[in-house]
PDB file of all heavy atoms in Angstrom:
ATOM      1  N   ASP A   1      76.459  95.627 112.405  1.00  0.00           N
ATOM      2  CA  ASP A   1      75.270  95.307 113.079  1.00  0.00           C
ATOM      3  C   ASP A   1      74.322  96.544 113.108  1.00  0.00           C
ATOM      4  O   ASP A   1      73.833  96.987 114.131  1.00  0.00           O
ATOM      5  CB  ASP A   1      75.549  94.867 114.493  1.00  0.00           C
ATOM      6  CG  ASP A   1      76.344  93.591 114.541  1.00  0.00           C
ATOM      7  OD1 ASP A   1      76.242  92.711 113.546  1.00  0.00           O
ATOM      8  OD2 ASP A   1      77.264  93.369 115.475  1.00  0.00           O
ATOM      9  N   ASP A   2      74.230  97.242 111.917  1.00  0.00           N
ATOM     10  CA  ASP A   2      73.308  98.319 111.721  1.00  0.00           C
ATOM     11  C   ASP A   2      73.747  99.620 112.316  1.00  0.00           C
ATOM     12  O   ASP A   2      73.060 100.616 112.363  1.00  0.00           O
ATOM     13  CB  ASP A   2      71.874  98.010 112.090  1.00  0.00           C
ATOM     14  CG  ASP A   2      71.332  96.877 111.028  1.00  0.00           C
ATOM     15  OD1 ASP A   2      71.609  97.057 109.851  1.00  0.00           O
ATOM     16  OD2 ASP A   2      70.557  96.064 111.486  1.00  0.00           O
ATOM     17  N   LYS A   3      74.947  99.617 112.902  1.00  0.00           N
ATOM     18  CA  LYS A   3      75.613 100.905 113.502  1.00  0.00           C
ATOM     19  C   LYS A   3      76.559 101.485 112.466  1.00  0.00           C
ATOM     20  O   LYS A   3      77.407 100.730 112.030  1.00  0.00           O
ATOM     21  CB  LYS A   3      76.154 100.512 114.817  1.00  0.00           C
ATOM     22  CG  LYS A   3      76.880 101.703 115.458  1.00  0.00           C
ATOM     23  CD  LYS A   3      77.635 101.339 116.735  1.00  0.00           C
ATOM     24  CE  LYS A   3      78.348 102.589 117.370  1.00  0.00           C
ATOM     25  NZ  LYS A   3      79.146 102.215 118.512  1.00  0.00           N
ATOM     26  N   LEU A   4      76.479 102.739 112.067  1.00  0.00           N
ATOM     27  CA  LEU A   4      77.352 103.319 111.160  1.00  0.00           C
ATOM     28  C   LEU A   4      78.769 103.527 111.928  1.00  0.00           C
ATOM     29  O   LEU A   4      78.890 104.063 112.990  1.00  0.00           O
ATOM     30  CB  LEU A   4      76.806 104.753 110.905  1.00  0.00           C
ATOM     31  CG  LEU A   4      77.783 105.563 109.918  1.00  0.00           C
ATOM     32  CD1 LEU A   4      77.799 104.802 108.501  1.00  0.00           C
ATOM     33  CD2 LEU A   4      77.201 106.968 109.794  1.00  0.00           C
ATOM     34  N   LEU A   5      79.764 102.810 111.214  1.00  0.00           N
ATOM     35  CA  LEU A   5      81.089 102.846 111.685  1.00  0.00           C
ATOM     36  C   LEU A   5      81.960 103.740 110.944  1.00  0.00           C
ATOM     37  O   LEU A   5      82.991 104.260 111.419  1.00  0.00           O
ATOM     38  CB  LEU A   5      81.633 101.352 111.619  1.00  0.00           C
ATOM     39  CG  LEU A   5      80.925 100.278 112.376  1.00  0.00           C
ATOM     40  CD1 LEU A   5      81.550  98.936 112.072  1.00  0.00           C
ATOM     41  CD2 LEU A   5      80.805 100.685 113.793  1.00  0.00           C
ATOM     42  N   PHE A   6      81.666 104.034 109.629  1.00  0.00           N
ATOM     43  CA  PHE A   6      82.538 104.987 108.845  1.00  0.00           C
ATOM     44  C   PHE A   6      81.588 105.533 107.749  1.00  0.00           C
ATOM     45  O   PHE A   6      80.703 104.862 107.255  1.00  0.00           O
ATOM     46  CB  PHE A   6      83.615 104.100 108.106  1.00  0.00           C
ATOM     47  CG  PHE A   6      84.350 104.853 107.085  1.00  0.00           C
ATOM     48  CD1 PHE A   6      85.335 105.722 107.302  1.00  0.00           C
ATOM     49  CD2 PHE A   6      83.898 104.721 105.756  1.00  0.00           C
ATOM     50  CE1 PHE A   6      85.840 106.441 106.366  1.00  0.00           C
ATOM     51  CE2 PHE A   6      84.602 105.392 104.670  1.00  0.00           C
ATOM     52  CZ  PHE A   6      85.553 106.225 105.021  1.00  0.00           C
ATOM     53  N   GLN A   7      81.822 106.816 107.387  1.00  0.00           N
ATOM     54  CA  GLN A   7      81.184 107.491 106.309  1.00  0.00           C
ATOM     55  C   GLN A   7      82.326 108.340 105.658  1.00  0.00           C
ATOM     56  O   GLN A   7      82.940 109.163 106.285  1.00  0.00           O
ATOM     57  CB  GLN A   7      80.065 108.323 106.750  1.00  0.00           C
ATOM     58  CG  GLN A   7      79.265 108.982 105.649  1.00  0.00           C
ATOM     59  CD  GLN A   7      78.131 109.678 106.066  1.00  0.00           C
ATOM     60  OE1 GLN A   7      78.162 110.484 106.977  1.00  0.00           O
ATOM     61  NE2 GLN A   7      76.917 109.395 105.461  1.00  0.00           N
ATOM     62  N   SER A   8      82.404 108.293 104.421  1.00  0.00           N
ATOM     63  CA  SER A   8      83.433 109.093 103.615  1.00  0.00           C
ATOM     64  C   SER A   8      82.787 110.463 103.289  1.00  0.00           C
ATOM     65  O   SER A   8      81.558 110.568 103.391  1.00  0.00           O
ATOM     66  CB  SER A   8      83.791 108.331 102.266  1.00  0.00           C
ATOM     67  OG  SER A   8      82.744 108.463 101.316  1.00  0.00           O
ATOM     68  N   GLU A   9      83.626 111.340 102.859  1.00  0.00           N
ATOM     69  CA  GLU A   9      83.158 112.523 102.220  1.00  0.00           C
ATOM     70  C   GLU A   9      82.605 112.207 100.788  1.00  0.00           C
ATOM     71  O   GLU A   9      82.930 111.003 100.378  1.00  0.00           O
ATOM     72  CB  GLU A   9      84.356 113.608 102.147  1.00  0.00           C
ATOM     73  CG  GLU A   9      84.956 113.923 103.503  1.00  0.00           C
ATOM     74  CD  GLU A   9      84.063 114.761 104.208  1.00  0.00           C
ATOM     75  OE1 GLU A   9      83.296 115.605 103.733  1.00  0.00           O
ATOM     76  OE2 GLU A   9      84.100 114.671 105.504  1.00  0.00           O
ATOM     77  N   LYS A  10      82.086 113.093 100.161  1.00  0.00           N
ATOM     78  CA  LYS A  10      81.677 112.860  98.729  1.00  0.00           C
ATOM     79  C   LYS A  10      82.909 112.670  97.998  1.00  0.00           C
ATOM     80  O   LYS A  10      83.949 113.322  98.142  1.00  0.00           O
ATOM     81  CB  LYS A  10      80.827 113.984  98.127  1.00  0.00           C
ATOM     82  CG  LYS A  10      79.572 114.200  98.717  1.00  0.00           C
ATOM     83  CD  LYS A  10      78.748 115.331  97.941  1.00  0.00           C
ATOM     84  CE  LYS A  10      77.406 115.552  98.530  1.00  0.00           C
ATOM     85  NZ  LYS A  10      76.820 116.655  97.887  1.00  0.00           N
ATOM     86  N   MET A  11      82.952 111.571  96.991  1.00  0.00           N
ATOM     87  CA  MET A  11      83.994 111.304  96.199  1.00  0.00           C
ATOM     88  C   MET A  11      83.576 111.484  94.768  1.00  0.00           C
ATOM     89  O   MET A  11      82.614 110.979  94.337  1.00  0.00           O
ATOM     90  CB  MET A  11      84.526 109.903  96.572  1.00  0.00           C
ATOM     91  CG  MET A  11      84.987 109.763  97.958  1.00  0.00           C
ATOM     92  SD  MET A  11      85.855 108.101  98.330  1.00  0.00           S
ATOM     93  CE  MET A  11      87.415 108.466  97.721  1.00  0.00           C
ATOM     94  N   PHE A  12      84.466 112.126  94.027  1.00  0.00           N
ATOM     95  CA  PHE A  12      84.206 112.361  92.632  1.00  0.00           C
ATOM     96  C   PHE A  12      85.119 111.654  91.731  1.00  0.00           C
ATOM     97  O   PHE A  12      86.010 110.950  92.251  1.00  0.00           O
ATOM     98  CB  PHE A  12      84.323 113.945  92.367  1.00  0.00           C
ATOM     99  CG  PHE A  12      83.388 114.825  93.235  1.00  0.00           C
ATOM    100  CD1 PHE A  12      83.783 115.185  94.514  1.00  0.00           C
ATOM    101  CD2 PHE A  12      82.095 115.085  92.816  1.00  0.00           C
ATOM    102  CE1 PHE A  12      83.005 115.972  95.420  1.00  0.00           C
ATOM    103  CE2 PHE A  12      81.245 115.836  93.570  1.00  0.00           C
ATOM    104  CZ  PHE A  12      81.663 116.315  94.813  1.00  0.00           C
ATOM    105  N   GLY A  13      84.971 111.782  90.453  1.00  0.00           N
ATOM    106  CA  GLY A  13      85.853 111.002  89.471  1.00  0.00           C
ATOM    107  C   GLY A  13      87.178 111.322  89.515  1.00  0.00           C
ATOM    108  O   GLY A  13      88.079 110.491  89.300  1.00  0.00           O
ATOM    109  N   LYS A  14      87.735 112.444  89.967  1.00  0.00           N
ATOM    110  CA  LYS A  14      89.162 112.729  90.035  1.00  0.00           C
ATOM    111  C   LYS A  14      89.628 112.693  91.670  1.00  0.00           C
ATOM    112  O   LYS A  14      90.757 112.921  91.772  1.00  0.00           O
ATOM    113  CB  LYS A  14      89.395 114.115  89.563  1.00  0.00           C
ATOM    114  CG  LYS A  14      88.915 114.453  88.061  1.00  0.00           C
ATOM    115  CD  LYS A  14      90.031 113.978  87.098  1.00  0.00           C
ATOM    116  CE  LYS A  14      89.479 114.374  85.740  1.00  0.00           C
ATOM    117  NZ  LYS A  14      89.927 113.467  84.699  1.00  0.00           N
ATOM    118  N   THR A  15      88.811 112.400  92.470  1.00  0.00           N
ATOM    119  CA  THR A  15      89.183 112.162  93.786  1.00  0.00           C
ATOM    120  C   THR A  15      90.154 110.966  93.991  1.00  0.00           C
ATOM    121  O   THR A  15      89.693 109.935  93.618  1.00  0.00           O
ATOM    122  CB  THR A  15      87.902 111.877  94.747  1.00  0.00           C
ATOM    123  OG1 THR A  15      86.990 112.953  94.625  1.00  0.00           O
ATOM    124  CG2 THR A  15      88.394 111.900  96.240  1.00  0.00           C
ATOM    125  N   PRO A  16      91.362 111.143  94.610  1.00  0.00           N
ATOM    126  CA  PRO A  16      92.272 110.025  94.648  1.00  0.00           C
ATOM    127  C   PRO A  16      91.637 108.897  95.601  1.00  0.00           C
ATOM    128  O   PRO A  16      90.751 109.170  96.421  1.00  0.00           O
ATOM    129  CB  PRO A  16      93.419 110.608  95.423  1.00  0.00           C
ATOM    130  CG  PRO A  16      93.248 112.172  95.271  1.00  0.00           C
ATOM    131  CD  PRO A  16      91.841 112.375  95.124  1.00  0.00           C
ATOM    132  N   PRO A  17      92.017 107.701  95.441  1.00  0.00           N
ATOM    133  CA  PRO A  17      91.564 106.691  96.361  1.00  0.00           C
ATOM    134  C   PRO A  17      91.879 106.963  97.847  1.00  0.00           C
ATOM    135  O   PRO A  17      92.840 107.622  98.099  1.00  0.00           O
ATOM    136  CB  PRO A  17      92.222 105.427  95.902  1.00  0.00           C
ATOM    137  CG  PRO A  17      93.365 105.780  95.120  1.00  0.00           C
ATOM    138  CD  PRO A  17      93.124 107.174  94.531  1.00  0.00           C
ATOM    139  N   LYS A  18      90.897 106.481  98.743  1.00  0.00           N
ATOM    140  CA  LYS A  18      91.196 106.764 100.084  1.00  0.00           C
ATOM    141  C   LYS A  18      91.339 105.456 100.808  1.00  0.00           C
ATOM    142  O   LYS A  18      90.601 104.665 100.667  1.00  0.00           O
ATOM    143  CB  LYS A  18      90.012 107.582 100.786  1.00  0.00           C
ATOM    144  CG  LYS A  18      90.096 107.737 102.274  1.00  0.00           C
ATOM    145  CD  LYS A  18      88.994 108.559 102.791  1.00  0.00           C
ATOM    146  CE  LYS A  18      88.974 108.707 104.325  1.00  0.00           C
ATOM    147  NZ  LYS A  18      89.918 109.500 104.759  1.00  0.00           N
ATOM    148  N   LYS A  19      92.534 105.266 101.391  1.00  0.00           N
ATOM    149  CA  LYS A  19      92.727 104.140 102.236  1.00  0.00           C
ATOM    150  C   LYS A  19      91.902 104.213 103.549  1.00  0.00           C
ATOM    151  O   LYS A  19      92.002 105.177 104.369  1.00  0.00           O
ATOM    152  CB  LYS A  19      94.248 103.846 102.551  1.00  0.00           C
ATOM    153  CG  LYS A  19      94.670 102.750 103.458  1.00  0.00           C
ATOM    154  CD  LYS A  19      94.447 101.454 102.731  1.00  0.00           C
ATOM    155  CE  LYS A  19      94.913 100.346 103.697  1.00  0.00           C
ATOM    156  NZ  LYS A  19      94.976  99.008 103.007  1.00  0.00           N
ATOM    157  N   ILE A  20      91.102 103.152 103.839  1.00  0.00           N
ATOM    158  CA  ILE A  20      90.383 103.125 105.108  1.00  0.00           C
ATOM    159  C   ILE A  20      90.730 101.908 105.907  1.00  0.00           C
ATOM    160  O   ILE A  20      91.049 100.867 105.314  1.00  0.00           O
ATOM    161  CB  ILE A  20      88.867 103.191 104.944  1.00  0.00           C
ATOM    162  CG1 ILE A  20      88.212 102.089 104.176  1.00  0.00           C
ATOM    163  CG2 ILE A  20      88.517 104.522 104.245  1.00  0.00           C
ATOM    164  CD1 ILE A  20      86.783 101.889 104.205  1.00  0.00           C
ATOM    165  N   GLU A  21      90.638 102.023 107.217  1.00  0.00           N
ATOM    166  CA  GLU A  21      90.775 100.878 108.182  1.00  0.00           C
ATOM    167  C   GLU A  21      89.702 101.083 109.219  1.00  0.00           C
ATOM    168  O   GLU A  21      89.736 102.093 109.914  1.00  0.00           O
ATOM    169  CB  GLU A  21      92.118 100.784 108.743  1.00  0.00           C
ATOM    170  CG  GLU A  21      93.266 100.353 107.728  1.00  0.00           C
ATOM    171  CD  GLU A  21      94.567 100.111 108.361  1.00  0.00           C
ATOM    172  OE1 GLU A  21      94.675 100.313 109.653  1.00  0.00           O
ATOM    173  OE2 GLU A  21      95.409  99.549 107.641  1.00  0.00           O
ATOM    174  N   VAL A  22      88.707 100.220 109.214  1.00  0.00           N
ATOM    175  CA  VAL A  22      87.525 100.422 110.088  1.00  0.00           C
ATOM    176  C   VAL A  22      87.583  99.236 111.183  1.00  0.00           C
ATOM    177  O   VAL A  22      87.765  98.086 110.744  1.00  0.00           O
ATOM    178  CB  VAL A  22      86.220 100.331 109.305  1.00  0.00           C
ATOM    179  CG1 VAL A  22      85.013 100.580 110.190  1.00  0.00           C
ATOM    180  CG2 VAL A  22      86.238 101.478 108.198  1.00  0.00           C
ATOM    181  N   ASN A  23      87.328  99.736 112.383  1.00  0.00           N
ATOM    182  CA  ASN A  23      87.313  98.641 113.445  1.00  0.00           C
ATOM    183  C   ASN A  23      86.022  98.004 113.437  1.00  0.00           C
ATOM    184  O   ASN A  23      84.941  98.583 113.592  1.00  0.00           O
ATOM    185  CB  ASN A  23      87.543  99.319 114.868  1.00  0.00           C
ATOM    186  CG  ASN A  23      87.472  98.393 115.961  1.00  0.00           C
ATOM    187  OD1 ASN A  23      87.141  97.205 115.879  1.00  0.00           O
ATOM    188  ND2 ASN A  23      88.003  98.872 117.040  1.00  0.00           N
ATOM    189  N   ILE A  24      85.986  96.587 113.241  1.00  0.00           N
ATOM    190  CA  ILE A  24      84.814  95.836 113.162  1.00  0.00           C
ATOM    191  C   ILE A  24      84.754  94.687 114.220  1.00  0.00           C
ATOM    192  O   ILE A  24      84.077  93.712 114.123  1.00  0.00           O
ATOM    193  CB  ILE A  24      84.590  95.250 111.772  1.00  0.00           C
ATOM    194  CG1 ILE A  24      85.659  94.332 111.270  1.00  0.00           C
ATOM    195  CG2 ILE A  24      84.336  96.334 110.752  1.00  0.00           C
ATOM    196  CD1 ILE A  24      85.404  93.433 110.091  1.00  0.00           C
ATOM    197  N   GLU A  25      85.666  94.895 115.203  1.00  0.00           N
ATOM    198  CA  GLU A  25      85.694  93.951 116.274  1.00  0.00           C
ATOM    199  C   GLU A  25      84.375  93.746 116.978  1.00  0.00           C
ATOM    200  O   GLU A  25      83.710  94.628 117.201  1.00  0.00           O
ATOM    201  CB  GLU A  25      86.779  94.327 117.354  1.00  0.00           C
ATOM    202  CG  GLU A  25      87.094  93.267 118.271  1.00  0.00           C
ATOM    203  CD  GLU A  25      88.278  93.533 119.137  1.00  0.00           C
ATOM    204  OE1 GLU A  25      88.958  94.665 119.012  1.00  0.00           O
ATOM    205  OE2 GLU A  25      88.703  92.600 119.886  1.00  0.00           O
ATOM    206  N   GLY A  26      83.900  92.525 117.105  1.00  0.00           N
ATOM    207  CA  GLY A  26      82.654  92.185 117.734  1.00  0.00           C
ATOM    208  C   GLY A  26      81.409  92.278 116.743  1.00  0.00           C
ATOM    209  O   GLY A  26      80.234  91.990 117.211  1.00  0.00           O
ATOM    210  N   VAL A  27      81.623  92.522 115.524  1.00  0.00           N
ATOM    211  CA  VAL A  27      80.554  92.717 114.508  1.00  0.00           C
ATOM    212  C   VAL A  27      80.095  91.433 113.997  1.00  0.00           C
ATOM    213  O   VAL A  27      81.010  90.561 113.602  1.00  0.00           O
ATOM    214  CB  VAL A  27      80.903  93.669 113.438  1.00  0.00           C
ATOM    215  CG1 VAL A  27      80.056  93.648 112.297  1.00  0.00           C
ATOM    216  CG2 VAL A  27      81.121  95.096 113.924  1.00  0.00           C
ATOM    217  N   THR A  28      78.859  91.124 113.999  1.00  0.00           N
ATOM    218  CA  THR A  28      78.387  89.855 113.414  1.00  0.00           C
ATOM    219  C   THR A  28      77.942  90.079 111.910  1.00  0.00           C
ATOM    220  O   THR A  28      78.177  89.212 111.056  1.00  0.00           O
ATOM    221  CB  THR A  28      77.100  89.471 114.138  1.00  0.00           C
ATOM    222  OG1 THR A  28      77.419  89.244 115.531  1.00  0.00           O
ATOM    223  CG2 THR A  28      76.502  88.200 113.556  1.00  0.00           C
ATOM    224  N   GLU A  29      77.308  91.267 111.566  1.00  0.00           N
ATOM    225  CA  GLU A  29      76.950  91.490 110.241  1.00  0.00           C
ATOM    226  C   GLU A  29      77.536  92.751 109.675  1.00  0.00           C
ATOM    227  O   GLU A  29      77.349  93.953 110.211  1.00  0.00           O
ATOM    228  CB  GLU A  29      75.456  91.610 110.008  1.00  0.00           C
ATOM    229  CG  GLU A  29      74.899  91.867 108.646  1.00  0.00           C
ATOM    230  CD  GLU A  29      73.312  91.911 108.701  1.00  0.00           C
ATOM    231  OE1 GLU A  29      72.946  93.055 108.757  1.00  0.00           O
ATOM    232  OE2 GLU A  29      72.714  90.876 108.492  1.00  0.00           O
ATOM    233  N   LEU A  30      78.438  92.686 108.650  1.00  0.00           N
ATOM    234  CA  LEU A  30      79.096  93.947 108.099  1.00  0.00           C
ATOM    235  C   LEU A  30      78.405  94.290 106.873  1.00  0.00           C
ATOM    236  O   LEU A  30      78.014  93.384 105.937  1.00  0.00           O
ATOM    237  CB  LEU A  30      80.466  93.469 107.698  1.00  0.00           C
ATOM    238  CG  LEU A  30      81.385  94.541 107.107  1.00  0.00           C
ATOM    239  CD1 LEU A  30      81.607  95.609 107.958  1.00  0.00           C
ATOM    240  CD2 LEU A  30      82.672  93.902 106.694  1.00  0.00           C
ATOM    241  N   LYS A  31      78.016  95.497 106.722  1.00  0.00           N
ATOM    242  CA  LYS A  31      77.303  96.071 105.627  1.00  0.00           C
ATOM    243  C   LYS A  31      78.131  97.113 104.859  1.00  0.00           C
ATOM    244  O   LYS A  31      78.528  98.120 105.541  1.00  0.00           O
ATOM    245  CB  LYS A  31      75.978  96.663 105.976  1.00  0.00           C
ATOM    246  CG  LYS A  31      74.996  96.984 104.808  1.00  0.00           C
ATOM    247  CD  LYS A  31      73.728  97.596 105.289  1.00  0.00           C
ATOM    248  CE  LYS A  31      73.021  96.773 106.489  1.00  0.00           C
ATOM    249  NZ  LYS A  31      71.839  97.519 106.879  1.00  0.00           N
ATOM    250  N   LEU A  32      78.378  96.936 103.571  1.00  0.00           N
ATOM    251  CA  LEU A  32      79.185  97.934 102.819  1.00  0.00           C
ATOM    252  C   LEU A  32      78.238  98.653 101.846  1.00  0.00           C
ATOM    253  O   LEU A  32      77.436  98.075 101.065  1.00  0.00           O
ATOM    254  CB  LEU A  32      80.270  97.225 101.943  1.00  0.00           C
ATOM    255  CG  LEU A  32      81.264  96.361 102.726  1.00  0.00           C
ATOM    256  CD1 LEU A  32      82.230  95.675 101.810  1.00  0.00           C
ATOM    257  CD2 LEU A  32      81.926  97.109 103.792  1.00  0.00           C
ATOM    258  N   VAL A  33      78.009  99.891 102.044  1.00  0.00           N
ATOM    259  CA  VAL A  33      76.993 100.721 101.315  1.00  0.00           C
ATOM    260  C   VAL A  33      77.763 101.766 100.514  1.00  0.00           C
ATOM    261  O   VAL A  33      78.628 102.493 100.924  1.00  0.00           O
ATOM    262  CB  VAL A  33      76.018 101.398 102.302  1.00  0.00           C
ATOM    263  CG1 VAL A  33      75.109 102.319 101.682  1.00  0.00           C
ATOM    264  CG2 VAL A  33      75.443 100.471 103.221  1.00  0.00           C
ATOM    265  N   VAL A  34      77.283 102.027  99.286  1.00  0.00           N
ATOM    266  CA  VAL A  34      77.657 103.207  98.491  1.00  0.00           C
ATOM    267  C   VAL A  34      76.383 103.810  97.992  1.00  0.00           C
ATOM    268  O   VAL A  34      75.478 103.159  97.450  1.00  0.00           O
ATOM    269  CB  VAL A  34      78.371 102.710  97.220  1.00  0.00           C
ATOM    270  CG1 VAL A  34      78.793 104.010  96.335  1.00  0.00           C
ATOM    271  CG2 VAL A  34      79.816 101.972  97.618  1.00  0.00           C
ATOM    272  N   LYS A  35      76.357 105.115  98.402  1.00  0.00           N
ATOM    273  CA  LYS A  35      75.129 105.889  97.986  1.00  0.00           C
ATOM    274  C   LYS A  35      75.560 106.959  96.963  1.00  0.00           C
ATOM    275  O   LYS A  35      76.784 107.294  96.894  1.00  0.00           O
ATOM    276  CB  LYS A  35      74.564 106.696  99.211  1.00  0.00           C
ATOM    277  CG  LYS A  35      74.159 105.765 100.382  1.00  0.00           C
ATOM    278  CD  LYS A  35      73.694 106.701 101.569  1.00  0.00           C
ATOM    279  CE  LYS A  35      73.063 105.762 102.620  1.00  0.00           C
ATOM    280  NZ  LYS A  35      72.600 106.564 103.702  1.00  0.00           N
ATOM    281  N   ASP A  36      74.585 107.394  96.171  1.00  0.00           N
ATOM    282  CA  ASP A  36      74.932 108.474  95.289  1.00  0.00           C
ATOM    283  C   ASP A  36      75.223 109.746  96.240  1.00  0.00           C
ATOM    284  O   ASP A  36      74.742 109.899  97.312  1.00  0.00           O
ATOM    285  CB  ASP A  36      73.816 108.750  94.275  1.00  0.00           C
ATOM    286  CG  ASP A  36      72.556 109.514  94.982  1.00  0.00           C
ATOM    287  OD1 ASP A  36      72.701 110.793  95.117  1.00  0.00           O
ATOM    288  OD2 ASP A  36      71.522 108.786  95.185  1.00  0.00           O
ATOM    289  N   GLY A  37      75.914 110.691  95.682  1.00  0.00           N
ATOM    290  CA  GLY A  37      76.333 111.849  96.533  1.00  0.00           C
ATOM    291  C   GLY A  37      75.317 112.938  96.538  1.00  0.00           C
ATOM    292  O   GLY A  37      75.727 114.119  96.621  1.00  0.00           O
ATOM    293  N   GLY A  38      73.961 112.604  96.299  1.00  0.00           N
ATOM    294  CA  GLY A  38      72.922 113.648  96.373  1.00  0.00           C
ATOM    295  C   GLY A  38      72.759 114.217  94.929  1.00  0.00           C
ATOM    296  O   GLY A  38      71.932 115.068  94.843  1.00  0.00           O
ATOM    297  N   ASP A  39      73.396 113.615  93.930  1.00  0.00           N
ATOM    298  CA  ASP A  39      73.132 114.189  92.653  1.00  0.00           C
ATOM    299  C   ASP A  39      72.609 113.137  91.597  1.00  0.00           C
ATOM    300  O   ASP A  39      72.882 113.237  90.419  1.00  0.00           O
ATOM    301  CB  ASP A  39      74.426 114.763  92.045  1.00  0.00           C
ATOM    302  CG  ASP A  39      75.612 113.760  92.096  1.00  0.00           C
ATOM    303  OD1 ASP A  39      75.380 112.736  92.576  1.00  0.00           O
ATOM    304  OD2 ASP A  39      76.707 114.169  91.599  1.00  0.00           O
ATOM    305  N   GLY A  40      72.001 112.046  92.104  1.00  0.00           N
ATOM    306  CA  GLY A  40      71.566 110.960  91.240  1.00  0.00           C
ATOM    307  C   GLY A  40      72.677 109.902  91.072  1.00  0.00           C
ATOM    308  O   GLY A  40      73.693 110.044  91.637  1.00  0.00           O
ATOM    309  N   THR A  41      72.338 108.855  90.350  1.00  0.00           N
ATOM    310  CA  THR A  41      73.235 107.716  90.265  1.00  0.00           C
ATOM    311  C   THR A  41      73.963 107.632  88.919  1.00  0.00           C
ATOM    312  O   THR A  41      74.735 106.725  88.689  1.00  0.00           O
ATOM    313  CB  THR A  41      72.391 106.338  90.530  1.00  0.00           C
ATOM    314  OG1 THR A  41      71.439 106.364  89.540  1.00  0.00           O
ATOM    315  CG2 THR A  41      71.820 106.409  91.854  1.00  0.00           C
TER     316      THR A  41
END
C-alpha cells in the first residue's frame, strides 16, 4: 500500500541469492520493484 516494507543492498552478478520473508499482513496492494543500482540498466 505504497509503504516501503523491504529494500535490499545493491546486488551484483556474483552476489549470492538472498532469501527474504516480508510481512505483508493487512496489505491490499503489493508492489515488487527492481531498480538499477545507480549505474544504469
